[in-house]
């Protein structure tokens, strides 16, 4: 069975432009409905401000950007998993729990990576700034 989106009347450049609209819709939905995405947005702003304040190198900017974007992507994939599971079943199901828990765990593991990268980059700079 084809979905309405698969039967899209859009072709060529219009279809390409609409794909951006769908992506923005997904970002907005996640931002409005997922508390963890708000936390991620706050930490992203904090990371950028720290990067500017401490004048981190280009390589450090790349590392910070990669980690932030990968965590954001994981959050979005986790949101998609949760929505798909909720669409399939409203009953409590051990497999549904596993799917949701594993999606959440992936984001958690990447968040730990983000904390490690931030610590490696910013803690020495903070210590120097504080004169320690």
C-alpha atoms as a PDB file:
ATOM      1  CA  UNK A   1       0.000   0.000   0.000  1.00  0.00           C
ATOM      2  CA  UNK A   2       1.427   3.379  -0.976  1.00  0.00           C
ATOM      3  CA  UNK A   3       1.239   6.330   1.372  1.00  0.00           C
ATOM      4  CA  UNK A   4       0.074   9.776   0.311  1.00  0.00           C
ATOM      5  CA  UNK A   5       3.679  10.986   0.414  1.00  0.00           C
ATOM      6  CA  UNK A   6       4.776   8.160  -1.944  1.00  0.00           C
ATOM      7  CA  UNK A   7       2.085   9.206  -4.448  1.00  0.00           C
ATOM      8  CA  UNK A   8       3.424  12.752  -4.314  1.00  0.00           C
ATOM      9  CA  UNK A   9       2.630  14.923  -7.281  1.00  0.00           C
ATOM     10  CA  UNK A  10       5.893  16.787  -6.770  1.00  0.00           C
ATOM     11  CA  UNK A  11       8.643  16.195  -9.302  1.00  0.00           C
ATOM     12  CA  UNK A  12      12.124  17.592  -9.860  1.00  0.00           C
ATOM     13  CA  UNK A  13      13.178  20.689  -7.955  1.00  0.00           C
ATOM     14  CA  UNK A  14       9.777  21.013  -6.235  1.00  0.00           C
ATOM     15  CA  UNK A  15      10.211  17.521  -4.770  1.00  0.00           C
ATOM     16  CA  UNK A  16      13.728  18.451  -3.624  1.00  0.00           C
ATOM     17  CA  UNK A  17      12.419  21.604  -1.927  1.00  0.00           C
ATOM     18  CA  UNK A  18       9.567  19.680  -0.283  1.00  0.00           C
ATOM     19  CA  UNK A  19      12.085  17.224   1.186  1.00  0.00           C
ATOM     20  CA  UNK A  20      13.618  20.160   3.076  1.00  0.00           C
ATOM     21  CA  UNK A  21      10.159  21.149   4.306  1.00  0.00           C
ATOM     22  CA  UNK A  22       9.552  17.624   5.603  1.00  0.00           C
ATOM     23  CA  UNK A  23      12.925  17.683   7.373  1.00  0.00           C
ATOM     24  CA  UNK A  24      12.121  21.029   9.012  1.00  0.00           C
ATOM     25  CA  UNK A  25       8.720  19.623  10.046  1.00  0.00           C
ATOM     26  CA  UNK A  26      10.510  16.733  11.763  1.00  0.00           C
ATOM     27  CA  UNK A  27      12.906  19.066  13.558  1.00  0.00           C
ATOM     28  CA  UNK A  28      10.069  21.308  14.730  1.00  0.00           C
ATOM     29  CA  UNK A  29       7.964  18.361  15.903  1.00  0.00           C
ATOM     30  CA  UNK A  30      10.875  16.924  17.853  1.00  0.00           C
ATOM     31  CA  UNK A  31      11.805  20.273  19.366  1.00  0.00           C
ATOM     32  CA  UNK A  32       8.211  20.923  20.482  1.00  0.00           C
ATOM     33  CA  UNK A  33       7.499  17.402  21.771  1.00  0.00           C
ATOM     34  CA  UNK A  34      10.800  15.997  23.023  1.00  0.00           C
ATOM     35  CA  UNK A  35      12.219  17.523  26.187  1.00  0.00           C
ATOM     36  CA  UNK A  36      15.648  16.020  25.488  1.00  0.00           C
ATOM     37  CA  UNK A  37      15.876  17.971  22.228  1.00  0.00           C
ATOM     38  CA  UNK A  38      15.409  21.216  24.173  1.00  0.00           C
ATOM     39  CA  UNK A  39      18.232  20.166  26.476  1.00  0.00           C
ATOM     40  CA  UNK A  40      20.347  19.367  23.419  1.00  0.00           C
ATOM     41  CA  UNK A  41      19.596  22.815  21.957  1.00  0.00           C
ATOM     42  CA  UNK A  42      20.655  24.460  25.233  1.00  0.00           C
ATOM     43  CA  UNK A  43      23.900  22.454  25.382  1.00  0.00           C
ATOM     44  CA  UNK A  44      24.598  23.260  21.731  1.00  0.00           C
ATOM     45  CA  UNK A  45      24.280  26.991  22.430  1.00  0.00           C
ATOM     46  CA  UNK A  46      26.471  26.588  25.517  1.00  0.00           C
ATOM     47  CA  UNK A  47      29.096  24.697  23.491  1.00  0.00           C
ATOM     48  CA  UNK A  48      29.151  27.395  20.811  1.00  0.00           C
ATOM     49  CA  UNK A  49      29.455  30.159  23.412  1.00  0.00           C
ATOM     50  CA  UNK A  50      32.294  28.297  25.178  1.00  0.00           C
ATOM     51  CA  UNK A  51      33.989  27.758  21.815  1.00  0.00           C
ATOM     52  CA  UNK A  52      33.815  31.461  21.012  1.00  0.00           C
ATOM     53  CA  UNK A  53      34.888  32.534  24.500  1.00  0.00           C
ATOM     54  CA  UNK A  54      37.851  30.156  24.666  1.00  0.00           C
ATOM     55  CA  UNK A  55      38.773  30.659  20.988  1.00  0.00           C
ATOM     56  CA  UNK A  56      38.989  26.961  20.250  1.00  0.00           C
ATOM     57  CA  UNK A  57      40.932  25.785  17.204  1.00  0.00           C
ATOM     58  CA  UNK A  58      39.418  24.766  13.884  1.00  0.00           C
ATOM     59  CA  UNK A  59      40.004  21.088  14.717  1.00  0.00           C
ATOM     60  CA  UNK A  60      38.256  21.551  18.074  1.00  0.00           C
ATOM     61  CA  UNK A  61      35.329  23.273  16.334  1.00  0.00           C
ATOM     62  CA  UNK A  62      35.086  20.298  13.972  1.00  0.00           C
ATOM     63  CA  UNK A  63      35.080  17.856  16.899  1.00  0.00           C
ATOM     64  CA  UNK A  64      32.419  19.830  18.769  1.00  0.00           C
ATOM     65  CA  UNK A  65      30.268  20.171  15.629  1.00  0.00           C
ATOM     66  CA  UNK A  66      30.503  16.465  14.779  1.00  0.00           C
ATOM     67  CA  UNK A  67      29.538  15.378  18.284  1.00  0.00           C
ATOM     68  CA  UNK A  68      26.636  17.850  18.507  1.00  0.00           C
ATOM     69  CA  UNK A  69      25.257  16.884  15.099  1.00  0.00           C
ATOM     70  CA  UNK A  70      25.575  13.139  15.747  1.00  0.00           C
ATOM     71  CA  UNK A  71      23.741  13.484  19.072  1.00  0.00           C
ATOM     72  CA  UNK A  72      21.002  15.546  17.387  1.00  0.00           C
ATOM     73  CA  UNK A  73      20.653  12.912  14.660  1.00  0.00           C
ATOM     74  CA  UNK A  74      20.395  10.166  17.290  1.00  0.00           C
ATOM     75  CA  UNK A  75      17.683  12.150  19.110  1.00  0.00           C
ATOM     76  CA  UNK A  76      15.721  12.462  15.878  1.00  0.00           C
ATOM     77  CA  UNK A  77      16.101   8.758  15.057  1.00  0.00           C
ATOM     78  CA  UNK A  78      15.003   7.900  18.605  1.00  0.00           C
ATOM     79  CA  UNK A  79      11.913  10.093  18.169  1.00  0.00           C
ATOM     80  CA  UNK A  80      11.140   8.307  14.881  1.00  0.00           C
ATOM     81  CA  UNK A  81      11.514   4.893  16.555  1.00  0.00           C
ATOM     82  CA  UNK A  82       9.178   5.921  19.364  1.00  0.00           C
ATOM     83  CA  UNK A  83       6.574   7.243  16.913  1.00  0.00           C
ATOM     84  CA  UNK A  84       6.746   4.105  14.773  1.00  0.00           C
ATOM     85  CA  UNK A  85       6.397   1.838  17.799  1.00  0.00           C
ATOM     86  CA  UNK A  86       3.461   3.881  19.104  1.00  0.00           C
ATOM     87  CA  UNK A  87       1.825   3.678  15.676  1.00  0.00           C
ATOM     88  CA  UNK A  88       2.126  -0.118  15.591  1.00  0.00           C
ATOM     89  CA  UNK A  89       0.845  -0.890  19.080  1.00  0.00           C
ATOM     90  CA  UNK A  90      -0.865   0.858  21.959  1.00  0.00           C
ATOM     91  CA  UNK A  91      -0.602  -2.212  24.144  1.00  0.00           C
ATOM     92  CA  UNK A  92       2.312  -2.855  26.473  1.00  0.00           C
ATOM     93  CA  UNK A  93       4.648  -5.113  24.542  1.00  0.00           C
ATOM     94  CA  UNK A  94       8.115  -6.273  25.645  1.00  0.00           C
ATOM     95  CA  UNK A  95       9.482  -5.836  22.106  1.00  0.00           C
ATOM     96  CA  UNK A  96       8.122  -2.283  21.912  1.00  0.00           C
ATOM     97  CA  UNK A  97       9.878  -1.523  25.206  1.00  0.00           C
ATOM     98  CA  UNK A  98      13.136  -2.955  23.868  1.00  0.00           C
ATOM     99  CA  UNK A  99      12.908  -0.837  20.697  1.00  0.00           C
ATOM    100  CA  UNK A 100      12.237   2.346  22.651  1.00  0.00           C
ATOM    101  CA  UNK A 101      14.842   1.602  25.326  1.00  0.00           C
ATOM    102  CA  UNK A 102      17.541   0.812  22.758  1.00  0.00           C
ATOM    103  CA  UNK A 103      16.818   4.009  20.821  1.00  0.00           C
ATOM    104  CA  UNK A 104      17.092   5.960  24.050  1.00  0.00           C
ATOM    105  CA  UNK A 105      20.274   4.106  25.023  1.00  0.00           C
ATOM    106  CA  UNK A 106      21.905   5.025  21.692  1.00  0.00           C
ATOM    107  CA  UNK A 107      21.284   8.699  22.409  1.00  0.00           C
ATOM    108  CA  UNK A 108      22.550   8.264  25.972  1.00  0.00           C
ATOM    109  CA  UNK A 109      25.792   6.615  24.814  1.00  0.00           C
ATOM    110  CA  UNK A 110      26.402   9.401  22.299  1.00  0.00           C
ATOM    111  CA  UNK A 111      25.687  11.984  25.000  1.00  0.00           C
ATOM    112  CA  UNK A 112      28.424  10.389  27.108  1.00  0.00           C
ATOM    113  CA  UNK A 113      30.742  10.751  24.120  1.00  0.00           C
ATOM    114  CA  UNK A 114      29.711  14.418  23.876  1.00  0.00           C
ATOM    115  CA  UNK A 115      30.524  14.971  27.553  1.00  0.00           C
ATOM    116  CA  UNK A 116      33.931  13.331  27.109  1.00  0.00           C
ATOM    117  CA  UNK A 117      34.771  15.444  24.044  1.00  0.00           C
ATOM    118  CA  UNK A 118      33.574  18.617  25.802  1.00  0.00           C
ATOM    119  CA  UNK A 119      35.643  17.704  28.852  1.00  0.00           C
ATOM    120  CA  UNK A 120      38.781  17.092  26.806  1.00  0.00           C
ATOM    121  CA  UNK A 121      38.394  20.380  24.931  1.00  0.00           C
ATOM    122  CA  UNK A 122      36.994  22.730  27.568  1.00  0.00           C
ATOM    123  CA  UNK A 123      38.166  21.562  31.010  1.00  0.00           C
ATOM    124  CA  UNK A 124      41.849  22.478  30.406  1.00  0.00           C
ATOM    125  CA  UNK A 125      40.785  25.879  29.048  1.00  0.00           C
ATOM    126  CA  UNK A 126      38.488  26.482  32.026  1.00  0.00           C
ATOM    127  CA  UNK A 127      41.266  25.527  34.443  1.00  0.00           C
ATOM    128  CA  UNK A 128      43.696  27.957  32.772  1.00  0.00           C
ATOM    129  CA  UNK A 129      41.015  30.663  32.818  1.00  0.00           C
ATOM    130  CA  UNK A 130      40.477  30.099  36.564  1.00  0.00           C
ATOM    131  CA  UNK A 131      44.233  30.169  37.163  1.00  0.00           C
ATOM    132  CA  UNK A 132      44.378  26.569  38.369  1.00  0.00           C
END
